[in-house]
């Protein structure tokens, strides 16, 4: 069956989300994107996204079962200890390469990231914040960028995609904890992708799994 322009664009959107999330390398993304726009039939489009989730599809975290991680109990976060102090980074740049900001770094009040024909990773799960109000500006041209935030963080995403995708899997999934800084993520993706998602650290996931095992042992085999 012949493919429509709308179907080709849906496949392109899936590919842009995938490169933003790190599922595709830039070279493979460009090859698949070119093939998608040249495709004339469904049989040509389908193999391009066969191994990828659909845009906006929820992917359950390890050990969470069918319950989204952000809806389960979570370790307490002392935000007061993570707000204040001089920024260790106010920006990042990638051209035919990549950048990473993760671990215990301090985000500036305004943090600007740019990637062209490259990619970048911004991880806020263990980060500190220079101020209670932080703006992260992400700009990518034919590149990919991934922003990972903890479930307890207050996040607002307002970016746009221009022949690209500015995904937001963070909105509506998190439950900001008291005292959380407010982070606004904005910018644009031109023929590329920026993804924003909530995800726990490995240590938090292990802690939650241990809590669940303890709860199951306390219930006993006869409990409902």
C-alpha atoms as a PDB file:
ATOM      1  CA  UNK A   1       0.000   0.000   0.000  1.00  0.00           C
ATOM      2  CA  UNK A   2       1.232   3.489  -0.835  1.00  0.00           C
ATOM      3  CA  UNK A   3       2.381   5.605   2.128  1.00  0.00           C
ATOM      4  CA  UNK A   4       0.992   9.095   2.749  1.00  0.00           C
ATOM      5  CA  UNK A   5       2.929  12.234   3.705  1.00  0.00           C
ATOM      6  CA  UNK A   6       1.375  12.076   7.190  1.00  0.00           C
ATOM      7  CA  UNK A   7       2.608   8.490   7.655  1.00  0.00           C
ATOM      8  CA  UNK A   8       6.124   9.423   6.570  1.00  0.00           C
ATOM      9  CA  UNK A   9       6.084  12.325   9.043  1.00  0.00           C
ATOM     10  CA  UNK A  10       4.943  10.033  11.888  1.00  0.00           C
ATOM     11  CA  UNK A  11       7.880   7.741  11.190  1.00  0.00           C
ATOM     12  CA  UNK A  12      10.223  10.745  11.113  1.00  0.00           C
ATOM     13  CA  UNK A  13       8.863  11.875  14.499  1.00  0.00           C
ATOM     14  CA  UNK A  14       9.553   8.432  15.970  1.00  0.00           C
ATOM     15  CA  UNK A  15      13.129   8.591  14.665  1.00  0.00           C
ATOM     16  CA  UNK A  16      13.671  12.084  16.132  1.00  0.00           C
ATOM     17  CA  UNK A  17      12.442  10.923  19.543  1.00  0.00           C
ATOM     18  CA  UNK A  18      14.720   7.907  19.322  1.00  0.00           C
ATOM     19  CA  UNK A  19      17.881   9.919  18.632  1.00  0.00           C
ATOM     20  CA  UNK A  20      17.001  12.349  21.426  1.00  0.00           C
ATOM     21  CA  UNK A  21      16.664   9.424  23.844  1.00  0.00           C
ATOM     22  CA  UNK A  22      19.931   7.838  22.759  1.00  0.00           C
ATOM     23  CA  UNK A  23      18.297   4.836  21.073  1.00  0.00           C
ATOM     24  CA  UNK A  24      19.861   5.725  17.720  1.00  0.00           C
ATOM     25  CA  UNK A  25      23.309   7.021  16.857  1.00  0.00           C
ATOM     26  CA  UNK A  26      23.355  10.146  14.706  1.00  0.00           C
ATOM     27  CA  UNK A  27      24.634   8.337  11.598  1.00  0.00           C
ATOM     28  CA  UNK A  28      21.885   5.709  11.809  1.00  0.00           C
ATOM     29  CA  UNK A  29      19.261   8.402  12.504  1.00  0.00           C
ATOM     30  CA  UNK A  30      20.249  10.330   9.366  1.00  0.00           C
ATOM     31  CA  UNK A  31      20.165   7.167   7.239  1.00  0.00           C
ATOM     32  CA  UNK A  32      16.731   6.150   8.490  1.00  0.00           C
ATOM     33  CA  UNK A  33      15.327   9.671   8.208  1.00  0.00           C
ATOM     34  CA  UNK A  34      16.449   9.938   4.590  1.00  0.00           C
ATOM     35  CA  UNK A  35      14.930   6.530   3.840  1.00  0.00           C
ATOM     36  CA  UNK A  36      11.654   7.549   5.511  1.00  0.00           C
ATOM     37  CA  UNK A  37      11.187  10.605   3.328  1.00  0.00           C
ATOM     38  CA  UNK A  38      12.049   8.579   0.211  1.00  0.00           C
ATOM     39  CA  UNK A  39       9.720   5.695   1.101  1.00  0.00           C
ATOM     40  CA  UNK A  40       6.744   5.168  -1.162  1.00  0.00           C
ATOM     41  CA  UNK A  41       5.045   2.171   0.496  1.00  0.00           C
ATOM     42  CA  UNK A  42       4.202   0.916   4.006  1.00  0.00           C
ATOM     43  CA  UNK A  43       6.591  -2.001   3.549  1.00  0.00           C
ATOM     44  CA  UNK A  44       9.454   0.488   3.144  1.00  0.00           C
ATOM     45  CA  UNK A  45       8.472   2.517   6.227  1.00  0.00           C
ATOM     46  CA  UNK A  46       7.754  -0.258   8.713  1.00  0.00           C
ATOM     47  CA  UNK A  47      11.318  -1.667   9.063  1.00  0.00           C
ATOM     48  CA  UNK A  48      12.643   1.815   9.908  1.00  0.00           C
ATOM     49  CA  UNK A  49      10.807   1.914  13.256  1.00  0.00           C
ATOM     50  CA  UNK A  50      10.241  -1.780  13.954  1.00  0.00           C
ATOM     51  CA  UNK A  51      12.745  -1.747  16.854  1.00  0.00           C
ATOM     52  CA  UNK A  52      11.613   1.596  18.338  1.00  0.00           C
ATOM     53  CA  UNK A  53       8.756   2.617  20.672  1.00  0.00           C
ATOM     54  CA  UNK A  54       6.068   4.898  19.284  1.00  0.00           C
ATOM     55  CA  UNK A  55       6.287   8.628  20.187  1.00  0.00           C
ATOM     56  CA  UNK A  56       4.884   9.238  23.664  1.00  0.00           C
ATOM     57  CA  UNK A  57       4.766   5.545  24.553  1.00  0.00           C
ATOM     58  CA  UNK A  58       5.509   4.931  28.230  1.00  0.00           C
ATOM     59  CA  UNK A  59       8.402   2.611  29.020  1.00  0.00           C
ATOM     60  CA  UNK A  60       8.102   1.036  32.464  1.00  0.00           C
ATOM     61  CA  UNK A  61      11.215   1.391  34.684  1.00  0.00           C
ATOM     62  CA  UNK A  62      13.010  -1.757  35.829  1.00  0.00           C
ATOM     63  CA  UNK A  63      11.287  -3.338  38.803  1.00  0.00           C
ATOM     64  CA  UNK A  64       8.204  -1.108  38.634  1.00  0.00           C
ATOM     65  CA  UNK A  65       5.725  -3.599  37.236  1.00  0.00           C
ATOM     66  CA  UNK A  66       2.766  -1.832  35.646  1.00  0.00           C
ATOM     67  CA  UNK A  67       2.872   1.178  37.990  1.00  0.00           C
ATOM     68  CA  UNK A  68       4.779   4.272  36.743  1.00  0.00           C
ATOM     69  CA  UNK A  69       7.760   4.992  38.966  1.00  0.00           C
ATOM     70  CA  UNK A  70       6.647   8.545  39.644  1.00  0.00           C
ATOM     71  CA  UNK A  71       3.447   7.275  41.248  1.00  0.00           C
ATOM     72  CA  UNK A  72       5.165   5.018  43.752  1.00  0.00           C
ATOM     73  CA  UNK A  73       6.764   6.074  46.998  1.00  0.00           C
ATOM     74  CA  UNK A  74      10.182   7.642  46.612  1.00  0.00           C
ATOM     75  CA  UNK A  75      13.178   8.382  48.817  1.00  0.00           C
ATOM     76  CA  UNK A  76      12.981  11.771  50.518  1.00  0.00           C
ATOM     77  CA  UNK A  77      14.887  14.591  48.823  1.00  0.00           C
ATOM     78  CA  UNK A  78      16.426  17.384  50.891  1.00  0.00           C
ATOM     79  CA  UNK A  79      16.169  20.162  48.313  1.00  0.00           C
ATOM     80  CA  UNK A  80      17.460  22.808  50.735  1.00  0.00           C
ATOM     81  CA  UNK A  81      20.897  21.190  50.584  1.00  0.00           C
ATOM     82  CA  UNK A  82      20.845  21.218  46.777  1.00  0.00           C
ATOM     83  CA  UNK A  83      19.876  24.844  46.156  1.00  0.00           C
ATOM     84  CA  UNK A  84      22.469  27.613  46.262  1.00  0.00           C
ATOM     85  CA  UNK A  85      26.172  27.983  45.600  1.00  0.00           C
ATOM     86  CA  UNK A  86      28.107  28.995  42.490  1.00  0.00           C
ATOM     87  CA  UNK A  87      27.292  27.302  39.204  1.00  0.00           C
ATOM     88  CA  UNK A  88      29.817  24.807  37.881  1.00  0.00           C
ATOM     89  CA  UNK A  89      28.372  25.028  34.361  1.00  0.00           C
ATOM     90  CA  UNK A  90      26.253  27.562  32.502  1.00  0.00           C
ATOM     91  CA  UNK A  91      26.292  25.974  29.091  1.00  0.00           C
ATOM     92  CA  UNK A  92      27.360  23.166  26.775  1.00  0.00           C
ATOM     93  CA  UNK A  93      28.232  22.916  23.070  1.00  0.00           C
ATOM     94  CA  UNK A  94      28.598  20.051  20.626  1.00  0.00           C
ATOM     95  CA  UNK A  95      29.519  20.182  16.932  1.00  0.00           C
ATOM     96  CA  UNK A  96      30.154  16.832  15.272  1.00  0.00           C
ATOM     97  CA  UNK A  97      30.567  15.460  18.786  1.00  0.00           C
ATOM     98  CA  UNK A  98      28.858  15.269  22.139  1.00  0.00           C
ATOM     99  CA  UNK A  99      28.698  16.696  25.636  1.00  0.00           C
ATOM    100  CA  UNK A 100      27.539  15.463  29.022  1.00  0.00           C
ATOM    101  CA  UNK A 101      26.494  17.135  32.256  1.00  0.00           C
ATOM    102  CA  UNK A 102      25.688  14.622  34.971  1.00  0.00           C
ATOM    103  CA  UNK A 103      26.479  13.613  38.532  1.00  0.00           C
ATOM    104  CA  UNK A 104      26.834  16.229  41.274  1.00  0.00           C
ATOM    105  CA  UNK A 105      27.227  19.350  39.173  1.00  0.00           C
ATOM    106  CA  UNK A 106      25.615  22.760  39.857  1.00  0.00           C
ATOM    107  CA  UNK A 107      23.241  24.138  37.200  1.00  0.00           C
ATOM    108  CA  UNK A 108      23.426  27.881  36.528  1.00  0.00           C
ATOM    109  CA  UNK A 109      20.316  30.069  36.742  1.00  0.00           C
ATOM    110  CA  UNK A 110      20.309  30.089  32.944  1.00  0.00           C
ATOM    111  CA  UNK A 111      21.932  27.097  31.261  1.00  0.00           C
ATOM    112  CA  UNK A 112      22.214  27.080  27.451  1.00  0.00           C
ATOM    113  CA  UNK A 113      22.998  23.928  25.459  1.00  0.00           C
ATOM    114  CA  UNK A 114      23.589  23.736  21.699  1.00  0.00           C
ATOM    115  CA  UNK A 115      24.202  20.713  19.500  1.00  0.00           C
ATOM    116  CA  UNK A 116      24.686  20.679  15.735  1.00  0.00           C
ATOM    117  CA  UNK A 117      25.306  17.364  14.017  1.00  0.00           C
ATOM    118  CA  UNK A 118      26.022  16.030  17.469  1.00  0.00           C
ATOM    119  CA  UNK A 119      24.372  15.142  20.743  1.00  0.00           C
ATOM    120  CA  UNK A 120      24.289  15.905  24.416  1.00  0.00           C
ATOM    121  CA  UNK A 121      23.106  14.598  27.781  1.00  0.00           C
ATOM    122  CA  UNK A 122      21.858  16.777  30.654  1.00  0.00           C
ATOM    123  CA  UNK A 123      21.189  14.771  33.821  1.00  0.00           C
ATOM    124  CA  UNK A 124      19.590  16.593  36.763  1.00  0.00           C
ATOM    125  CA  UNK A 125      18.985  13.595  39.018  1.00  0.00           C
ATOM    126  CA  UNK A 126      21.939  14.331  41.309  1.00  0.00           C
ATOM    127  CA  UNK A 127      22.508  17.946  40.328  1.00  0.00           C
ATOM    128  CA  UNK A 128      22.556  21.037  42.523  1.00  0.00           C
ATOM    129  CA  UNK A 129      20.913  24.306  41.485  1.00  0.00           C
ATOM    130  CA  UNK A 130      22.326  27.805  41.689  1.00  0.00           C
ATOM    131  CA  UNK A 131      18.878  29.250  42.384  1.00  0.00           C
ATOM    132  CA  UNK A 132      15.340  28.133  43.137  1.00  0.00           C
ATOM    133  CA  UNK A 133      14.308  29.198  39.608  1.00  0.00           C
ATOM    134  CA  UNK A 134      16.358  27.706  36.754  1.00  0.00           C
ATOM    135  CA  UNK A 135      15.958  27.937  32.966  1.00  0.00           C
ATOM    136  CA  UNK A 136      17.561  25.327  30.713  1.00  0.00           C
ATOM    137  CA  UNK A 137      17.623  26.325  27.032  1.00  0.00           C
ATOM    138  CA  UNK A 138      18.193  23.494  24.549  1.00  0.00           C
ATOM    139  CA  UNK A 139      18.875  24.198  20.875  1.00  0.00           C
ATOM    140  CA  UNK A 140      19.706  21.483  18.371  1.00  0.00           C
ATOM    141  CA  UNK A 141      20.125  21.453  14.589  1.00  0.00           C
ATOM    142  CA  UNK A 142      20.200  17.995  13.033  1.00  0.00           C
ATOM    143  CA  UNK A 143      21.293  16.660  16.404  1.00  0.00           C
ATOM    144  CA  UNK A 144      19.919  15.058  19.528  1.00  0.00           C
ATOM    145  CA  UNK A 145      19.725  16.052  23.176  1.00  0.00           C
ATOM    146  CA  UNK A 146      18.403  14.182  26.205  1.00  0.00           C
ATOM    147  CA  UNK A 147      17.385  15.800  29.510  1.00  0.00           C
ATOM    148  CA  UNK A 148      16.808  13.436  32.436  1.00  0.00           C
ATOM    149  CA  UNK A 149      15.060  14.710  35.557  1.00  0.00           C
ATOM    150  CA  UNK A 150      14.079  13.038  38.849  1.00  0.00           C
ATOM    151  CA  UNK A 151      10.388  12.334  39.597  1.00  0.00           C
ATOM    152  CA  UNK A 152      10.426  14.776  42.533  1.00  0.00           C
ATOM    153  CA  UNK A 153      11.557  17.836  40.543  1.00  0.00           C
ATOM    154  CA  UNK A 154       9.171  20.639  39.493  1.00  0.00           C
ATOM    155  CA  UNK A 155       9.629  20.786  35.693  1.00  0.00           C
ATOM    156  CA  UNK A 156       7.909  22.755  32.930  1.00  0.00           C
ATOM    157  CA  UNK A 157       8.695  22.075  29.259  1.00  0.00           C
ATOM    158  CA  UNK A 158       7.897  24.675  26.573  1.00  0.00           C
ATOM    159  CA  UNK A 159      10.234  23.801  23.692  1.00  0.00           C
ATOM    160  CA  UNK A 160       9.136  23.417  20.071  1.00  0.00           C
ATOM    161  CA  UNK A 161      10.159  21.228  17.159  1.00  0.00           C
ATOM    162  CA  UNK A 162      10.668  22.528  13.623  1.00  0.00           C
ATOM    163  CA  UNK A 163      10.836  19.529  11.310  1.00  0.00           C
ATOM    164  CA  UNK A 164      11.983  17.877  14.512  1.00  0.00           C
ATOM    165  CA  UNK A 165      10.735  16.856  17.928  1.00  0.00           C
ATOM    166  CA  UNK A 166      10.810  18.445  21.383  1.00  0.00           C
ATOM    167  CA  UNK A 167       9.452  15.546  23.406  1.00  0.00           C
ATOM    168  CA  UNK A 168       8.054  15.872  26.900  1.00  0.00           C
ATOM    169  CA  UNK A 169       7.532  12.669  28.825  1.00  0.00           C
ATOM    170  CA  UNK A 170       8.045  14.518  32.096  1.00  0.00           C
ATOM    171  CA  UNK A 171       4.800  16.497  32.200  1.00  0.00           C
ATOM    172  CA  UNK A 172       2.056  14.845  34.225  1.00  0.00           C
ATOM    173  CA  UNK A 173       4.260  11.991  35.446  1.00  0.00           C
ATOM    174  CA  UNK A 174       6.146  13.576  38.309  1.00  0.00           C
ATOM    175  CA  UNK A 175       5.006  14.593  41.772  1.00  0.00           C
ATOM    176  CA  UNK A 176       7.224  17.530  42.848  1.00  0.00           C
ATOM    177  CA  UNK A 177       8.223  17.224  46.474  1.00  0.00           C
ATOM    178  CA  UNK A 178       8.072  20.174  48.926  1.00  0.00           C
ATOM    179  CA  UNK A 179      10.890  22.680  48.437  1.00  0.00           C
ATOM    180  CA  UNK A 180      11.731  21.551  44.903  1.00  0.00           C
ATOM    181  CA  UNK A 181      13.373  24.142  42.653  1.00  0.00           C
ATOM    182  CA  UNK A 182      11.417  25.077  39.542  1.00  0.00           C
ATOM    183  CA  UNK A 183      13.114  24.153  36.288  1.00  0.00           C
ATOM    184  CA  UNK A 184      11.828  25.446  32.945  1.00  0.00           C
ATOM    185  CA  UNK A 185      13.152  23.647  29.881  1.00  0.00           C
ATOM    186  CA  UNK A 186      12.730  25.517  26.618  1.00  0.00           C
ATOM    187  CA  UNK A 187      14.330  25.932  23.174  1.00  0.00           C
ATOM    188  CA  UNK A 188      13.841  24.332  19.771  1.00  0.00           C
ATOM    189  CA  UNK A 189      14.867  21.341  17.701  1.00  0.00           C
ATOM    190  CA  UNK A 190      15.416  21.883  13.971  1.00  0.00           C
ATOM    191  CA  UNK A 191      15.522  18.586  12.060  1.00  0.00           C
ATOM    192  CA  UNK A 192      16.639  16.956  15.286  1.00  0.00           C
ATOM    193  CA  UNK A 193      15.302  15.991  18.671  1.00  0.00           C
ATOM    194  CA  UNK A 194      15.236  17.020  22.320  1.00  0.00           C
ATOM    195  CA  UNK A 195      13.769  14.581  24.816  1.00  0.00           C
ATOM    196  CA  UNK A 196      12.787  15.249  28.436  1.00  0.00           C
ATOM    197  CA  UNK A 197      11.948  12.333  30.698  1.00  0.00           C
ATOM    198  CA  UNK A 198      11.752  11.420  34.376  1.00  0.00           C
ATOM    199  CA  UNK A 199      13.928   8.599  35.602  1.00  0.00           C
ATOM    200  CA  UNK A 200      15.308   7.456  38.931  1.00  0.00           C
ATOM    201  CA  UNK A 201      18.972   6.809  39.604  1.00  0.00           C
ATOM    202  CA  UNK A 202      20.163   3.225  39.853  1.00  0.00           C
ATOM    203  CA  UNK A 203      20.623   3.635  43.605  1.00  0.00           C
ATOM    204  CA  UNK A 204      17.028   4.860  44.019  1.00  0.00           C
ATOM    205  CA  UNK A 205      15.663   1.971  41.979  1.00  0.00           C
ATOM    206  CA  UNK A 206      17.575  -0.511  44.106  1.00  0.00           C
ATOM    207  CA  UNK A 207      16.305   1.172  47.273  1.00  0.00           C
ATOM    208  CA  UNK A 208      12.700   0.999  46.085  1.00  0.00           C
ATOM    209  CA  UNK A 209      13.090  -2.655  45.136  1.00  0.00           C
ATOM    210  CA  UNK A 210      14.482  -3.407  48.605  1.00  0.00           C
ATOM    211  CA  UNK A 211      11.532  -1.579  50.202  1.00  0.00           C
ATOM    212  CA  UNK A 212       9.082  -3.583  48.100  1.00  0.00           C
ATOM    213  CA  UNK A 213      10.744  -6.884  49.037  1.00  0.00           C
ATOM    214  CA  UNK A 214      10.587  -5.907  52.701  1.00  0.00           C
ATOM    215  CA  UNK A 215       6.905  -5.012  52.369  1.00  0.00           C
ATOM    216  CA  UNK A 216       6.118  -8.347  50.719  1.00  0.00           C
ATOM    217  CA  UNK A 217       7.950 -10.285  53.464  1.00  0.00           C
ATOM    218  CA  UNK A 218       6.015  -8.420  56.162  1.00  0.00           C
ATOM    219  CA  UNK A 219       2.698  -9.231  54.484  1.00  0.00           C
ATOM    220  CA  UNK A 220       3.364 -12.955  54.568  1.00  0.00           C
ATOM    221  CA  UNK A 221       2.067 -15.625  52.160  1.00  0.00           C
ATOM    222  CA  UNK A 222      -1.454 -15.573  53.584  1.00  0.00           C
ATOM    223  CA  UNK A 223      -2.079 -11.844  53.138  1.00  0.00           C
ATOM    224  CA  UNK A 224      -4.056 -10.525  50.194  1.00  0.00           C
END
